[in-house]
């Protein structure tokens, strides 16, 4: 049987990303499960998993990957590292016409590379099968509680990226000490939202209904978890129809300011669709009823539905202040400032745990299709470019973008 030659590439994007698509043990699982797979790993000085850990699992390190059929990474591959006429899997950040990666797509086409983009690997029902969203929620929620402690001088959690792993990070949560009637609102029920809930279970906070959240006071800290219909209402009569809203949200308004009037912290995990109402605007934050002092914007849509998110923050400098009066950035501990955590690469803070979680999904949903055949066209639908140097039919709309 002819071998399928797979290579795990080293990450080349700057700033460095320490994540991997497959851990050493997961690489061993691949070669043990699929005798027809020849898998090697390109050496890297920046991975959280060291080269010797792969070698310890019997995985060959190989610098030159030109003999590989399939190359697997995590983030965008720098243009000068692309090998022509290969099948690549990585997050390309091109299918939404992101301007900063137009040249990358052009190079992929010119080099006749087949690009399978993780972000568009979906089942027949349109559900994404692979991603780092869960760990964005996990780390982002932790960062939210860290920000709240710093903003109000209550406690000081170790930054997640300084923790060896998730276990150490979760141990830090024992320091969380919230005043009575602290109220936290969470939006989003996808991978990100469910990741955030994993952290909510580990802190002294109780879930309550949205009705009780708005109308009652509590002896301890509480949170409420809102779905789309809880913070959007039809302008004409206050009602909500899911199919109508997702078809055309122009007749709806946000009711989120009602929650912001009683909440102390907001954790944003929702997916925002273009054209939907903003959750809150800059004017909403100027209202005398506004109460939120900390926003953990895990979704991180800049100058969009969460109006206090005026820029992404970084792992090294994760918190900035937003002054509602001047609509400008200030010190987050300044009186009246909203403390904003808007790190846009949160899973990088726990590279080992996030990589293992991603690798599990890769093993379950993607590698079997690569190796045994893509009978349901799942990978075909996620293929943006072909080995002929053409855009796949579903991605023909990227033609002009690729020339920009």
Protein backbone atom coordinates (compact mmCIF):
# COMPACT_ATOMS: atom_id res chain seq x y z
CA UNK A 1 0.00 0.00 0.00
CA UNK A 2 1.37 3.40 -0.96
CA UNK A 3 2.26 5.56 2.00
CA UNK A 4 0.49 8.85 2.67
CA UNK A 5 3.26 11.26 3.64
CA UNK A 6 2.22 13.84 6.23
CA UNK A 7 4.37 16.57 7.76
CA UNK A 8 3.68 18.70 10.83
CA UNK A 9 5.14 22.10 9.99
CA UNK A 10 6.68 24.52 12.46
CA UNK A 11 4.79 27.75 13.00
CA UNK A 12 6.40 30.69 11.25
CA UNK A 13 4.01 33.53 11.97
CA UNK A 14 5.26 36.48 14.03
CA UNK A 15 4.63 36.91 16.94
CA UNK A 16 5.45 33.24 17.59
CA UNK A 17 2.66 30.74 18.26
CA UNK A 18 3.60 27.86 20.54
CA UNK A 19 0.62 25.68 19.62
CA UNK A 20 0.75 22.52 17.49
CA UNK A 21 -1.92 20.68 15.49
CA UNK A 22 -0.94 17.36 17.09
CA UNK A 23 0.86 16.63 20.35
CA UNK A 24 3.64 14.00 20.48
CA UNK A 25 1.26 11.36 21.84
CA UNK A 26 -1.33 12.21 19.20
CA UNK A 27 1.28 11.83 16.46
CA UNK A 28 2.06 8.36 17.82
CA UNK A 29 -1.65 7.60 17.82
CA UNK A 30 -1.78 8.49 14.12
CA UNK A 31 1.05 6.17 13.10
CA UNK A 32 -0.28 3.38 15.33
CA UNK A 33 -3.79 3.70 13.90
CA UNK A 34 -2.89 4.14 10.24
CA UNK A 35 -0.08 1.85 9.01
CA UNK A 36 -0.21 3.56 5.61
CA UNK A 37 0.74 6.94 7.06
CA UNK A 38 4.33 8.16 7.13
CA UNK A 39 4.34 11.12 9.55
CA UNK A 40 7.26 13.42 10.35
CA UNK A 41 7.59 16.62 12.36
CA UNK A 42 9.60 19.66 11.33
CA UNK A 43 11.91 20.76 14.18
CA UNK A 44 10.93 23.95 15.99
CA UNK A 45 12.57 26.00 18.76
CA UNK A 46 9.32 27.73 19.79
CA UNK A 47 6.76 24.95 20.30
CA UNK A 48 5.51 24.35 23.82
CA UNK A 49 6.12 20.68 23.02
CA UNK A 50 9.86 20.18 22.55
CA UNK A 51 11.45 18.28 19.67
CA UNK A 52 12.72 15.57 22.01
CA UNK A 53 9.15 14.87 23.17
CA UNK A 54 8.23 13.87 19.61
CA UNK A 55 11.36 11.75 19.30
CA UNK A 56 10.49 10.03 22.56
CA UNK A 57 7.26 8.85 20.91
CA UNK A 58 9.18 7.44 17.94
CA UNK A 59 8.31 10.34 15.62
CA UNK A 60 10.97 11.35 13.10
CA UNK A 61 12.14 14.97 13.00
CA UNK A 62 12.70 16.20 9.45
CA UNK A 63 13.70 19.69 8.36
CA UNK A 64 12.98 19.36 4.63
CA UNK A 65 9.32 18.58 4.02
CA UNK A 66 9.43 18.72 0.24
CA UNK A 67 8.74 14.96 0.02
CA UNK A 68 5.46 15.27 1.96
CA UNK A 69 1.99 15.07 0.38
CA UNK A 70 0.10 16.83 3.17
CA UNK A 71 1.40 19.60 5.44
CA UNK A 72 -0.46 20.45 8.65
CA UNK A 73 -0.05 23.56 10.78
CA UNK A 74 -2.07 25.96 12.91
CA UNK A 75 -1.75 29.62 11.85
CA UNK A 76 -1.09 31.30 8.49
CA UNK A 77 2.06 30.04 6.80
CA UNK A 78 4.47 32.83 5.78
CA UNK A 79 4.69 33.11 2.01
CA UNK A 80 8.39 32.29 1.90
CA UNK A 81 7.75 29.03 3.80
CA UNK A 82 5.08 27.71 1.42
CA UNK A 83 6.13 24.64 -0.57
CA UNK A 84 4.52 24.48 -4.05
CA UNK A 85 2.13 21.73 -5.13
CA UNK A 86 1.25 20.49 -1.64
CA UNK A 87 -1.99 20.11 0.31
CA UNK A 88 -1.95 22.38 3.35
CA UNK A 89 -4.25 22.54 6.36
CA UNK A 90 -4.19 25.69 8.52
CA UNK A 91 -6.24 28.72 9.53
CA UNK A 92 -5.71 31.02 6.56
CA UNK A 93 -8.06 33.86 7.57
CA UNK A 94 -8.94 34.54 3.95
CA UNK A 95 -12.52 33.39 3.37
CA UNK A 96 -13.96 36.56 4.92
CA UNK A 97 -11.81 38.69 2.58
CA UNK A 98 -9.48 39.71 5.39
CA UNK A 99 -7.32 42.38 3.69
CA UNK A 100 -4.12 41.48 5.52
CA UNK A 101 -4.02 37.99 3.94
CA UNK A 102 -4.88 38.74 0.31
CA UNK A 103 -1.22 38.36 -0.68
CA UNK A 104 -1.07 35.01 1.10
CA UNK A 105 -4.00 33.69 -0.92
CA UNK A 106 -2.40 34.96 -4.12
CA UNK A 107 0.81 33.13 -3.27
CA UNK A 108 -1.11 29.94 -2.51
CA UNK A 109 -2.72 30.12 -5.95
CA UNK A 110 0.55 30.93 -7.69
CA UNK A 111 2.28 28.01 -5.99
CA UNK A 112 -0.57 25.63 -6.95
CA UNK A 113 -1.29 24.68 -3.36
CA UNK A 114 -4.47 22.98 -2.23
CA UNK A 115 -5.60 24.89 0.87
CA UNK A 116 -8.02 23.20 3.28
CA UNK A 117 -9.03 25.89 5.78
CA UNK A 118 -9.94 24.64 9.26
CA UNK A 119 -12.41 27.46 9.73
CA UNK A 120 -14.70 26.16 6.99
CA UNK A 121 -14.55 22.45 7.80
CA UNK A 122 -18.24 21.85 8.55
CA UNK A 123 -20.68 18.98 8.53
CA UNK A 124 -23.68 18.83 6.18
CA UNK A 125 -25.68 20.93 8.65
CA UNK A 126 -23.14 23.74 8.60
CA UNK A 127 -21.69 23.07 12.06
CA UNK A 128 -17.97 23.65 12.43
CA UNK A 129 -16.07 20.47 13.27
CA UNK A 130 -12.74 21.82 14.44
CA UNK A 131 -11.36 24.91 16.15
CA UNK A 132 -9.84 26.51 19.22
CA UNK A 133 -13.07 28.18 20.36
CA UNK A 134 -13.41 26.12 23.53
CA UNK A 135 -10.05 27.28 24.81
CA UNK A 136 -10.73 30.87 23.80
CA UNK A 137 -13.71 30.64 26.16
CA UNK A 138 -11.74 28.93 28.92
CA UNK A 139 -8.84 31.40 28.91
CA UNK A 140 -11.00 34.45 28.17
CA UNK A 141 -13.32 33.78 31.08
CA UNK A 142 -10.33 33.29 33.40
CA UNK A 143 -8.90 36.56 32.13
CA UNK A 144 -12.23 38.23 32.83
CA UNK A 145 -12.08 37.25 36.50
CA UNK A 146 -8.43 38.28 36.63
CA UNK A 147 -9.38 41.70 35.19
CA UNK A 148 -12.22 42.11 37.70
CA UNK A 149 -9.86 41.43 40.60
CA UNK A 150 -7.32 43.96 39.34
CA UNK A 151 -9.91 46.61 38.49
CA UNK A 152 -11.45 46.54 41.97
CA UNK A 153 -8.32 45.62 43.99
CA UNK A 154 -9.94 42.40 45.22
CA UNK A 155 -7.36 39.71 44.34
CA UNK A 156 -4.53 39.07 41.88
CA UNK A 157 -4.55 36.01 39.62
CA UNK A 158 -1.43 34.81 37.84
CA UNK A 159 -1.61 35.49 34.08
CA UNK A 160 -2.73 32.35 32.25
CA UNK A 161 0.31 32.35 29.96
CA UNK A 162 2.60 32.20 33.02
CA UNK A 163 0.90 28.99 34.17
CA UNK A 164 2.42 25.70 33.06
CA UNK A 165 -0.97 24.31 32.10
CA UNK A 166 -4.70 24.54 32.69
CA UNK A 167 -4.45 22.72 36.01
CA UNK A 168 -2.19 25.42 37.42
CA UNK A 169 -4.40 28.15 36.01
CA UNK A 170 -7.51 26.66 37.54
CA UNK A 171 -5.72 26.46 40.88
CA UNK A 172 -5.44 30.25 40.80
CA UNK A 173 -9.23 30.56 40.82
CA UNK A 174 -9.26 29.70 44.53
CA UNK A 175 -8.21 33.34 45.06
CA UNK A 176 -11.40 34.72 43.48
CA UNK A 177 -13.37 36.61 46.12
CA UNK A 178 -16.41 38.46 44.81
CA UNK A 179 -18.57 40.89 46.79
CA UNK A 180 -22.18 39.97 47.52
CA UNK A 181 -24.58 40.68 44.66
CA UNK A 182 -21.80 40.85 42.07
CA UNK A 183 -23.63 40.26 38.81
CA UNK A 184 -22.07 38.81 35.67
CA UNK A 185 -23.73 38.48 32.27
CA UNK A 186 -22.51 35.99 29.66
CA UNK A 187 -23.57 35.82 25.99
CA UNK A 188 -23.05 33.00 23.51
CA UNK A 189 -23.76 29.26 23.58
CA UNK A 190 -21.26 28.00 21.00
CA UNK A 191 -17.85 26.47 21.65
CA UNK A 192 -16.63 29.70 23.18
CA UNK A 193 -19.58 30.10 25.52
CA UNK A 194 -19.41 26.52 26.71
CA UNK A 195 -15.67 26.92 27.30
CA UNK A 196 -16.40 29.95 29.47
CA UNK A 197 -18.95 27.96 31.46
CA UNK A 198 -16.23 25.47 32.38
CA UNK A 199 -14.54 28.29 34.30
CA UNK A 200 -17.80 29.61 35.76
CA UNK A 201 -18.23 26.25 37.48
CA UNK A 202 -14.94 26.73 39.31
CA UNK A 203 -15.58 30.14 40.88
CA UNK A 204 -17.99 31.14 43.67
CA UNK A 205 -20.79 32.31 41.41
CA UNK A 206 -24.32 30.92 41.01
CA UNK A 207 -26.36 30.82 37.80
CA UNK A 208 -29.75 32.54 37.93
CA UNK A 209 -32.53 33.23 35.44
CA UNK A 210 -32.45 36.43 33.43
CA UNK A 211 -35.62 37.56 35.22
CA UNK A 212 -34.09 37.13 38.67
CA UNK A 213 -30.84 38.69 37.48
CA UNK A 214 -32.71 41.86 36.51
CA UNK A 215 -34.99 42.16 39.50
CA UNK A 216 -33.41 40.57 42.59
CA UNK A 217 -30.44 41.11 44.86
CA UNK A 218 -28.32 38.21 46.13
CA UNK A 219 -26.15 37.36 49.11
CA UNK A 220 -23.45 35.99 46.80
CA UNK A 221 -22.18 36.53 43.26
CA UNK A 222 -24.44 35.42 40.37
CA UNK A 223 -24.41 35.16 36.60
CA UNK A 224 -26.95 34.76 33.84
CA UNK A 225 -26.27 33.22 30.43
CA UNK A 226 -28.15 34.87 27.56
CA UNK A 227 -29.03 33.50 24.15
CA UNK A 228 -29.79 35.70 21.15
CA UNK A 229 -33.49 36.11 21.88
CA UNK A 230 -32.71 37.35 25.39
CA UNK A 231 -30.99 40.53 24.23
CA UNK A 232 -32.73 41.28 20.90
CA UNK A 233 -36.33 42.40 20.44
CA UNK A 234 -38.50 43.37 17.48
CA UNK A 235 -38.72 47.15 17.31
CA UNK A 236 -42.44 47.16 16.51
CA UNK A 237 -43.76 45.03 19.37
CA UNK A 238 -40.87 43.70 21.46
CA UNK A 239 -41.29 40.14 20.19
CA UNK A 240 -38.72 37.74 18.75
CA UNK A 241 -38.87 35.28 15.89
CA UNK A 242 -35.68 33.29 15.38
CA UNK A 243 -36.06 32.64 11.65
CA UNK A 244 -37.04 36.25 11.01
CA UNK A 245 -34.11 37.58 13.04
CA UNK A 246 -31.51 35.40 11.35
CA UNK A 247 -33.03 36.12 7.94
CA UNK A 248 -33.17 39.91 8.34
CA UNK A 249 -32.33 41.48 11.73
CA UNK A 250 -32.90 45.04 10.55
CA UNK A 251 -36.26 45.21 12.34
CA UNK A 252 -34.70 44.42 15.72
CA UNK A 253 -33.00 46.37 18.49
CA UNK A 254 -30.71 45.34 21.32
CA UNK A 255 -32.09 45.09 24.83
CA UNK A 256 -28.67 44.39 26.34
CA UNK A 257 -28.47 47.82 28.07
CA UNK A 258 -31.19 46.54 30.42
CA UNK A 259 -28.71 43.95 31.70
CA UNK A 260 -25.81 46.42 31.67
CA UNK A 261 -27.76 48.58 34.11
CA UNK A 262 -27.43 45.91 36.82
CA UNK A 263 -24.39 43.86 35.76
CA UNK A 264 -20.87 44.44 37.06
CA UNK A 265 -19.03 42.32 34.47
CA UNK A 266 -19.83 41.23 30.93
CA UNK A 267 -18.25 38.17 29.25
CA UNK A 268 -18.85 38.24 25.48
CA UNK A 269 -18.72 34.82 23.81
CA UNK A 270 -21.36 35.27 21.12
CA UNK A 271 -20.95 35.13 17.35
CA UNK A 272 -21.93 38.43 15.79
CA UNK A 273 -23.52 38.37 12.32
CA UNK A 274 -23.15 41.39 10.08
CA UNK A 275 -26.30 43.54 10.14
CA UNK A 276 -27.50 42.46 13.59
CA UNK A 277 -27.99 45.17 16.22
CA UNK A 278 -24.92 46.11 18.25
CA UNK A 279 -25.25 44.82 21.80
CA UNK A 280 -24.43 48.28 23.06
CA UNK A 281 -23.19 51.53 21.59
CA UNK A 282 -20.91 54.29 22.81
CA UNK A 283 -23.99 56.32 23.67
CA UNK A 284 -25.36 53.45 25.77
CA UNK A 285 -22.22 53.59 27.92
CA UNK A 286 -22.78 57.30 28.57
CA UNK A 287 -26.20 56.60 30.07
CA UNK A 288 -26.42 57.21 33.82
CA UNK A 289 -27.86 53.69 34.24
CA UNK A 290 -24.74 52.00 32.85
CA UNK A 291 -23.15 49.80 35.56
CA UNK A 292 -20.69 47.39 33.87
CA UNK A 293 -17.09 48.08 34.94
CA UNK A 294 -15.34 45.07 33.33
CA UNK A 295 -15.78 43.63 29.84
CA UNK A 296 -14.09 40.39 28.82
CA UNK A 297 -14.68 40.50 25.07
CA UNK A 298 -13.67 37.03 23.94
CA UNK A 299 -15.45 37.50 20.59
CA UNK A 300 -13.27 40.59 20.00
CA UNK A 301 -15.02 42.35 17.11
CA UNK A 302 -13.23 45.70 16.91
CA UNK A 303 -15.38 48.87 16.86
CA UNK A 304 -18.45 46.70 16.55
CA UNK A 305 -21.22 45.15 18.63
CA UNK A 306 -19.34 45.58 21.93
CA UNK A 307 -18.57 49.26 21.59
CA UNK A 308 -16.00 49.44 24.39
CA UNK A 309 -13.71 47.15 22.35
CA UNK A 310 -11.83 49.80 20.41
CA UNK A 311 -8.77 47.63 19.73
CA UNK A 312 -7.50 44.13 20.40
CA UNK A 313 -5.27 43.71 23.43
CA UNK A 314 -2.30 41.40 23.71
CA UNK A 315 -1.20 38.52 25.91
CA UNK A 316 1.65 40.72 27.22
CA UNK A 317 -0.68 43.69 27.86
CA UNK A 318 -4.19 42.23 28.09
CA UNK A 319 -6.21 45.03 29.72
CA UNK A 320 -6.93 48.60 28.69
CA UNK A 321 -9.40 51.19 29.91
CA UNK A 322 -12.23 52.78 27.95
CA UNK A 323 -13.53 56.18 29.03
CA UNK A 324 -17.20 56.41 27.99
CA UNK A 325 -17.17 60.21 28.22
CA UNK A 326 -14.22 60.85 25.91
CA UNK A 327 -14.66 57.59 23.93
CA UNK A 328 -10.94 57.01 24.26
CA UNK A 329 -8.41 54.66 25.79
CA UNK A 330 -7.29 55.39 29.36
CA UNK A 331 -5.73 53.56 32.30
CA UNK A 332 -8.16 50.78 33.18
CA UNK A 333 -7.96 51.60 36.89
CA UNK A 334 -9.00 55.20 36.31
CA UNK A 335 -12.23 56.16 38.06
CA UNK A 336 -15.18 55.64 35.71
CA UNK A 337 -13.16 53.68 33.14
CA UNK A 338 -14.41 50.35 31.84
CA UNK A 339 -11.67 47.72 32.05
CA UNK A 340 -11.56 45.85 28.72
CA UNK A 341 -9.89 42.47 28.13
CA UNK A 342 -9.91 41.84 24.38
CA UNK A 343 -7.00 39.48 23.67
CA UNK A 344 -7.56 38.10 20.17
CA UNK A 345 -5.38 34.97 20.44
CA UNK A 346 -6.46 33.61 23.81
CA UNK A 347 -5.78 29.88 23.21
CA UNK A 348 -2.08 30.73 22.81
CA UNK A 349 -1.95 31.36 26.56
CA UNK A 350 -2.40 27.63 27.26
CA UNK A 351 -0.66 26.15 24.21
CA UNK A 352 -0.37 22.58 25.50
CA UNK A 353 -3.97 22.18 26.63
CA UNK A 354 -5.38 24.03 23.61
CA UNK A 355 -3.26 21.94 21.24
CA UNK A 356 -4.37 18.67 22.79
CA UNK A 357 -8.01 19.70 22.54
CA UNK A 358 -7.58 20.76 18.91
CA UNK A 359 -5.63 17.58 18.12
CA UNK A 360 -8.45 15.45 19.51
CA UNK A 361 -10.84 17.09 17.06
CA UNK A 362 -8.35 16.70 14.22
CA UNK A 363 -8.02 12.98 14.99
CA UNK A 364 -11.77 12.53 15.20
CA UNK A 365 -13.11 14.67 12.37
CA UNK A 366 -10.36 15.40 9.83
CA UNK A 367 -7.56 12.86 9.62
CA UNK A 368 -9.88 9.91 8.87
CA UNK A 369 -11.18 11.86 5.86
CA UNK A 370 -7.68 12.69 4.67
CA UNK A 371 -6.51 9.11 5.00
CA UNK A 372 -9.57 6.96 4.26
CA UNK A 373 -11.48 9.20 1.88
CA UNK A 374 -13.84 12.18 2.04
CA UNK A 375 -17.09 10.41 1.15
CA UNK A 376 -19.35 13.23 2.37
CA UNK A 377 -17.24 15.97 0.73
CA UNK A 378 -16.54 17.63 4.08
CA UNK A 379 -12.95 18.47 3.16
CA UNK A 380 -13.92 19.20 -0.42
CA UNK A 381 -16.26 21.94 0.79
CA UNK A 382 -13.42 23.36 2.92
CA UNK A 383 -10.96 23.38 0.02
CA UNK A 384 -10.45 27.00 -1.02
CA UNK A 385 -7.79 26.43 -3.70
CA UNK A 386 -6.79 23.50 -5.89
CA UNK A 387 -3.54 21.89 -6.98
CA UNK A 388 -4.21 23.42 -10.41
CA UNK A 389 -3.75 26.90 -8.95
CA UNK A 390 -7.46 27.74 -9.15
CA UNK A 391 -10.07 28.82 -6.63
CA UNK A 392 -12.54 26.07 -5.80
CA UNK A 393 -16.06 26.73 -7.07
CA UNK A 394 -17.48 27.68 -3.66
CA UNK A 395 -14.72 30.26 -3.24
CA UNK A 396 -14.86 31.92 -6.64
CA UNK A 397 -15.94 35.10 -4.86
CA UNK A 398 -12.31 35.45 -3.65
CA UNK A 399 -11.05 36.13 -7.20
CA UNK A 400 -10.84 39.91 -6.98
CA UNK A 401 -9.66 39.74 -3.38
CA UNK A 402 -6.76 37.50 -4.38
CA UNK A 403 -5.59 40.15 -6.83
CA UNK A 404 -5.70 43.02 -4.34
